[in-house]
Protein backbone atom coordinates (compact mmCIF):
# COMPACT_ATOMS: atom_id res chain seq x y z
CA MET A 1 -14.37 18.87 -0.69
CA ILE A 2 -11.69 18.90 -3.35
CA ASP A 3 -9.66 22.08 -3.81
CA ARG A 4 -9.00 21.79 -7.55
CA ALA A 5 -6.92 24.95 -7.85
CA GLY A 6 -4.82 24.13 -4.82
CA LEU A 7 -4.36 20.53 -5.94
CA ALA A 8 -3.29 21.56 -9.43
CA ALA A 9 -0.83 24.16 -8.15
CA PHE A 10 0.70 21.74 -5.66
CA LEU A 11 1.11 19.01 -8.28
CA ARG A 12 2.72 21.39 -10.77
CA ASN A 13 5.12 22.72 -8.13
CA ARG A 14 6.25 19.26 -7.05
CA ARG A 15 6.57 17.99 -10.62
CA GLU A 16 8.67 20.98 -11.66
CA SER A 17 10.93 20.61 -8.60
CA LEU A 18 12.01 17.09 -9.60
CA GLN A 19 14.65 16.12 -12.14
CA PRO A 20 14.69 12.75 -13.92
CA ASP A 21 17.68 11.47 -11.98
CA ASP A 22 15.84 12.27 -8.73
CA VAL A 23 13.38 9.48 -9.53
CA GLY A 24 15.57 7.02 -11.42
CA LEU A 25 14.65 8.13 -14.95
CA PRO A 26 17.05 8.92 -17.81
CA ALA A 27 17.45 12.62 -18.53
CA GLY A 28 16.90 12.34 -22.27
CA LEU A 29 17.49 15.13 -24.77
CA ARG A 30 15.97 18.59 -25.44
CA ARG A 31 14.00 19.08 -22.25
CA ARG A 32 11.86 22.18 -22.86
CA THR A 33 10.22 22.23 -19.44
CA SER A 34 11.71 22.49 -15.98
CA GLY A 35 11.41 19.39 -13.88
CA LEU A 36 9.62 16.24 -14.95
CA ARG A 37 7.26 15.97 -17.90
CA ARG A 38 3.65 15.06 -17.22
CA GLU A 39 4.05 11.76 -19.04
CA GLU A 40 7.00 10.89 -16.79
CA VAL A 41 4.96 11.57 -13.66
CA ALA A 42 2.09 9.50 -15.06
CA LEU A 43 4.51 6.63 -15.66
CA LEU A 44 5.81 6.84 -12.10
CA CYS A 45 2.23 6.93 -10.76
CA HIS A 46 0.98 4.07 -12.96
CA MET A 47 -1.79 6.12 -14.56
CA SER A 48 -2.55 7.63 -17.97
CA THR A 49 -0.93 10.89 -18.97
CA ASP A 50 -4.36 12.30 -19.80
CA TYR A 51 -5.68 11.55 -16.30
CA TYR A 52 -2.73 13.21 -14.61
CA ALA A 53 -2.74 16.20 -16.99
CA ARG A 54 -6.41 16.89 -16.26
CA LEU A 55 -5.63 17.11 -12.53
CA GLU A 56 -3.03 19.80 -13.22
CA ARG A 57 -5.58 21.62 -15.37
CA GLU A 58 -8.23 21.56 -12.59
CA ARG A 59 -10.39 19.14 -14.55
CA GLY A 60 -11.41 15.49 -14.58
CA PRO A 61 -12.94 13.23 -11.94
CA GLU A 62 -12.16 13.58 -8.27
CA PRO A 63 -9.15 11.34 -7.56
CA SER A 64 -9.71 8.42 -5.19
CA PRO A 65 -7.55 7.88 -2.10
CA GLN A 66 -5.77 5.12 -4.04
CA MET A 67 -4.96 7.52 -6.88
CA ILE A 68 -3.70 10.14 -4.43
CA ALA A 69 -1.49 7.52 -2.74
CA ALA A 70 -0.04 6.55 -6.14
CA ILE A 71 0.67 10.20 -7.01
CA ALA A 72 2.27 10.84 -3.61
CA GLN A 73 4.57 7.87 -4.11
CA GLY A 74 5.35 8.71 -7.72
CA LEU A 75 6.31 12.29 -6.82
CA HIS A 76 8.44 11.07 -3.90
CA LEU A 77 6.46 13.13 -1.39
CA SER A 78 7.25 13.19 2.30
CA LEU A 79 4.56 12.12 4.75
CA ASP A 80 3.65 15.76 5.46
CA GLU A 81 3.38 16.46 1.74
CA ARG A 82 1.33 13.29 1.20
CA ASP A 83 -1.09 14.35 3.94
CA HIS A 84 -1.39 17.83 2.42
CA LEU A 85 -2.11 16.31 -0.99
CA SER A 86 -4.83 14.11 0.52
CA ARG A 87 -6.53 17.11 2.12
CA LEU A 88 -6.41 19.09 -1.14
CA ALA A 89 -8.14 16.15 -2.83
CA GLY A 90 -10.85 16.16 -0.18
CA HIS A 91 -9.71 13.03 1.66
CA ARG A 92 -8.65 12.31 5.20
CA PRO A 93 -4.91 11.57 5.24
CA PRO A 94 -4.02 7.89 5.69
CA ASP A 95 -2.83 6.71 9.08
CA ARG A 96 0.88 6.99 9.69
CA GLY A 97 3.12 4.40 11.27
CA PRO A 98 4.14 0.83 10.54
CA ALA A 99 0.82 -0.10 8.89
CA GLY A 100 1.38 2.41 6.07
CA ASP A 101 2.74 1.58 2.63
CA HIS A 102 4.00 5.08 1.78
CA ILE A 103 7.76 4.89 1.25
CA GLY A 104 9.82 7.85 2.42
CA PRO A 105 11.62 9.81 -0.32
CA GLY A 106 15.02 9.03 1.20
CA LEU A 107 14.68 5.26 0.75
CA LEU A 108 13.17 5.77 -2.71
CA ARG A 109 16.09 7.93 -3.84
CA ILE A 110 18.54 5.24 -2.78
CA LEU A 111 16.52 2.48 -4.45
CA ASP A 112 16.33 4.50 -7.67
CA ARG A 113 20.14 4.45 -7.81
CA LEU A 114 20.36 0.67 -7.40
CA GLN A 115 18.77 -0.33 -10.68
CA ASP A 116 21.64 -2.70 -11.50
CA THR A 117 21.44 -4.43 -8.10
CA PRO A 118 18.89 -6.79 -6.49
CA ALA A 119 17.14 -4.63 -3.90
CA GLU A 120 13.73 -4.18 -2.34
CA ILE A 121 11.89 -2.07 0.20
CA VAL A 122 9.84 -4.07 2.68
CA SER A 123 7.60 -3.39 5.67
CA GLU A 124 8.31 -4.72 9.14
CA LEU A 125 6.12 -7.71 8.23
CA GLY A 126 8.16 -8.52 5.14
CA GLU A 127 5.63 -7.07 2.69
CA THR A 128 7.47 -6.02 -0.45
CA LEU A 129 6.60 -2.44 -1.40
CA ARG A 130 9.07 -1.86 -4.22
CA GLN A 131 11.73 -3.91 -6.07
CA THR A 132 14.44 -3.23 -8.60
CA ALA A 133 14.37 -5.24 -11.83
CA PRO A 134 17.31 -7.44 -10.68
CA GLY A 135 15.39 -7.98 -7.43
CA VAL A 136 12.45 -9.32 -9.41
CA ALA A 137 14.81 -11.54 -11.39
CA LEU A 138 16.18 -12.95 -8.13
CA THR A 139 12.99 -13.61 -6.14
CA GLY A 140 10.09 -13.01 -8.53
CA ASP A 141 7.62 -10.14 -8.35
CA THR A 142 6.75 -10.22 -4.66
CA THR A 143 4.82 -6.94 -4.89
CA ALA A 144 1.99 -8.80 -6.67
CA PHE A 145 0.67 -10.59 -3.57
CA THR A 146 -2.45 -9.31 -1.82
CA GLY A 147 -3.88 -9.65 1.68
CA PRO A 148 -1.90 -11.60 4.29
CA MET A 149 0.05 -13.32 1.49
CA ARG A 150 1.94 -10.04 1.00
CA SER A 151 3.99 -10.98 4.08
CA ILE A 152 6.86 -13.36 3.36
CA GLY A 153 6.60 -14.72 6.89
CA TYR A 154 2.92 -15.50 6.43
CA ARG A 155 3.55 -17.07 3.00
CA TRP A 156 6.26 -19.26 4.51
CA PHE A 157 3.61 -21.18 6.43
CA ALA A 158 0.54 -20.63 4.25
CA ASP A 159 2.18 -21.65 0.95
CA PRO A 160 5.23 -23.86 1.57
CA SER A 161 5.89 -24.12 -2.19
CA GLY A 162 7.59 -20.73 -1.88
CA ARG A 163 10.33 -22.39 0.14
CA ASN A 164 11.76 -23.83 -3.07
CA LEU A 165 13.71 -20.59 -3.46
CA TYR A 166 15.81 -21.47 -0.40
CA PRO A 167 18.09 -24.47 0.26
CA GLU A 168 16.41 -27.12 2.37
CA GLN A 169 19.20 -26.89 4.96
CA ASP A 170 18.06 -23.32 5.74
CA HIS A 171 14.37 -24.12 6.17
CA ASP A 172 14.42 -24.85 9.89
CA PHE A 173 16.22 -21.60 10.71
CA LEU A 174 13.87 -19.57 8.49
CA THR A 175 10.82 -21.25 10.04
CA ARG A 176 11.96 -20.25 13.52
CA MET A 177 13.02 -16.77 12.38
CA TYR A 178 9.67 -15.91 10.79
CA ALA A 179 7.70 -17.16 13.79
CA SER A 180 10.01 -15.29 16.17
CA GLY A 181 9.73 -12.07 14.18
CA LEU A 182 5.95 -12.25 13.97
CA ARG A 183 5.74 -12.82 17.72
CA GLU A 184 7.85 -9.75 18.45
CA ILE A 185 5.90 -7.48 16.09
CA ALA A 186 2.52 -8.75 17.29
CA THR A 187 3.58 -8.03 20.88
CA LEU A 188 4.96 -4.60 19.94
CA ARG A 189 1.88 -3.53 17.97
CA GLY A 190 -0.63 -5.20 20.27
CA PRO A 191 -4.00 -6.96 19.86
CA GLY A 192 -5.90 -5.89 16.78
CA SER A 193 -2.72 -5.16 14.81
CA ARG A 194 -2.09 -6.70 11.42
CA ALA A 195 0.71 -8.79 12.91
CA ALA A 196 -1.60 -10.19 15.59
CA GLY A 197 -4.17 -10.97 12.91
CA TYR A 198 -1.63 -12.88 10.84
CA ALA A 199 -0.62 -14.91 13.88
CA GLU A 200 -4.25 -15.78 14.61
CA LEU A 201 -4.82 -16.90 11.02
CA LEU A 202 -1.74 -19.11 11.05
CA LEU A 203 -2.54 -20.59 14.45
CA ALA A 204 -5.91 -21.66 13.04
CA SER A 205 -4.59 -23.06 9.76
CA SER A 206 -0.98 -24.28 10.14
CA PRO A 207 0.02 -27.10 12.51
CA GLU A 208 3.66 -26.32 11.75
CA PHE A 209 3.21 -22.71 12.80
CA ARG A 210 1.42 -23.74 15.99
CA ALA A 211 4.30 -26.05 16.91
CA VAL A 212 7.02 -23.46 16.41
CA TRP A 213 4.87 -20.70 18.00
CA GLU A 214 4.68 -22.74 21.18
CA ARG A 215 8.46 -22.51 21.54
CA GLN A 216 8.02 -18.84 22.56
CA GLU A 217 11.21 -17.90 20.71
CA VAL A 218 12.17 -14.27 20.16
CA GLY A 219 15.31 -12.50 18.98
CA ILE A 220 16.12 -14.73 16.00
CA ARG A 221 17.52 -12.21 13.55
CA PRO A 222 18.08 -12.51 9.79
CA ARG A 223 21.58 -13.53 8.85
CA GLU A 224 23.70 -11.16 6.82
CA GLY A 225 24.52 -14.05 4.52
CA LYS A 226 21.51 -15.30 2.54
CA ARG A 227 21.31 -18.27 0.20
CA PHE A 228 18.91 -18.51 -2.73
CA LEU A 229 18.26 -21.57 -4.88
CA HIS A 230 17.31 -19.98 -8.16
CA PRO A 231 15.53 -22.21 -10.73
CA GLU A 232 17.80 -21.05 -13.57
CA VAL A 233 21.22 -20.24 -12.14
CA GLY A 234 21.22 -22.47 -9.07
CA LEU A 235 22.65 -21.60 -5.66
CA LEU A 236 23.56 -17.98 -4.90
CA GLU A 237 25.35 -16.97 -1.71
CA LEU A 238 24.68 -13.28 -1.13
CA HIS A 239 25.16 -10.62 1.52
CA CYS A 240 22.08 -8.68 2.60
CA GLN A 241 22.63 -5.10 3.78
CA ARG A 242 19.70 -3.46 5.60
CA LEU A 243 18.91 0.24 5.87
CA GLY A 244 15.92 1.20 8.00
CA ASP A 245 13.51 4.13 8.08
CA PRO A 246 12.42 4.34 11.74
CA GLU A 247 9.52 6.70 10.99
CA SER A 248 7.76 4.15 8.78
CA SER A 249 9.37 0.88 9.94
CA HIS A 250 10.39 0.17 6.35
CA TRP A 251 13.63 -1.52 5.37
CA LEU A 252 15.75 -1.27 2.25
CA LEU A 253 17.38 -4.65 1.56
CA VAL A 254 20.31 -4.79 -0.86
CA TYR A 255 21.72 -8.11 -2.06
CA THR A 256 25.34 -8.28 -3.19
CA ALA A 257 27.93 -10.96 -3.89
CA VAL A 258 31.69 -11.03 -3.35
CA PRO A 259 33.34 -9.72 -6.56
CA GLY A 260 34.88 -12.52 -8.58
CA SER A 261 32.85 -15.22 -6.82
CA GLU A 262 30.61 -17.72 -8.57
CA SER A 263 27.56 -16.01 -7.08
CA HIS A 264 28.75 -12.67 -8.46
CA GLU A 265 28.84 -14.13 -11.95
CA LYS A 266 25.41 -15.66 -11.46
CA LEU A 267 23.99 -12.29 -10.47
CA ARG A 268 25.39 -10.82 -13.67
CA LEU A 269 23.76 -13.62 -15.62
CA LEU A 270 20.44 -12.96 -13.90
CA SER A 271 20.59 -9.31 -14.91
CA VAL A 272 20.88 -10.46 -18.54
CA LEU A 273 18.18 -13.09 -18.30
CA GLY A 274 15.81 -10.71 -16.52
CA ARG A 275 13.72 -13.70 -15.53
CA THR A 276 10.50 -13.31 -13.55
CA PHE A 277 8.60 -16.27 -12.21
């Protein structure tokens, strides 16, 4: 059963403890309240200001687990805080571990400070959870996929048209890398895991995947240097730095170019174009 008073008090406390720069928002002028405004939290949680305000006023409909997950992410809650919020709303907390989509506040704080840089947070299966605007300009909005197609490794075999973003000379390596990575995760997580399910789907539908799967390859790691063949600016040669959160098995990927290089200038152009595709 929902604890409306406890939920409202907890939301107000967490909102008032955050400053705009904690969540990647501009400070603005003449802030009359401590912490974030309700409309700012609503924006971060992708919901109406009225809906969020009613929760803080102990009113409105009982929030669904999906709404609670959105609020927990928008307020940059830790896993313990997210679980507490779920219980206040009358729900069982979501499972923890690699299957979860809740991003830890540490990775979110870093991502919020990279708004002029292509960056994304991904799961161990290559499911994009959050992107910066330059990241969307570079690769498209990869948070929009649903089901198994959320995984870039699964999409590589299920929808080969997505390979157009990468030079053809890199396709063989990427094919082997994605199959190798899926094999390792499926073995680590075991039968019944999402990774094992993806492998079963691809084995049933992709002759190419079956062929490379039979090689039994493991240990093929992503290269630090990544090449993208962008439809507007052409070839970009970038470095990919990875920062991991071992508690959630999420990775922050940051794409940079050597200053003064042609790719560096192309990244600057992309930030102006702001293209999504």
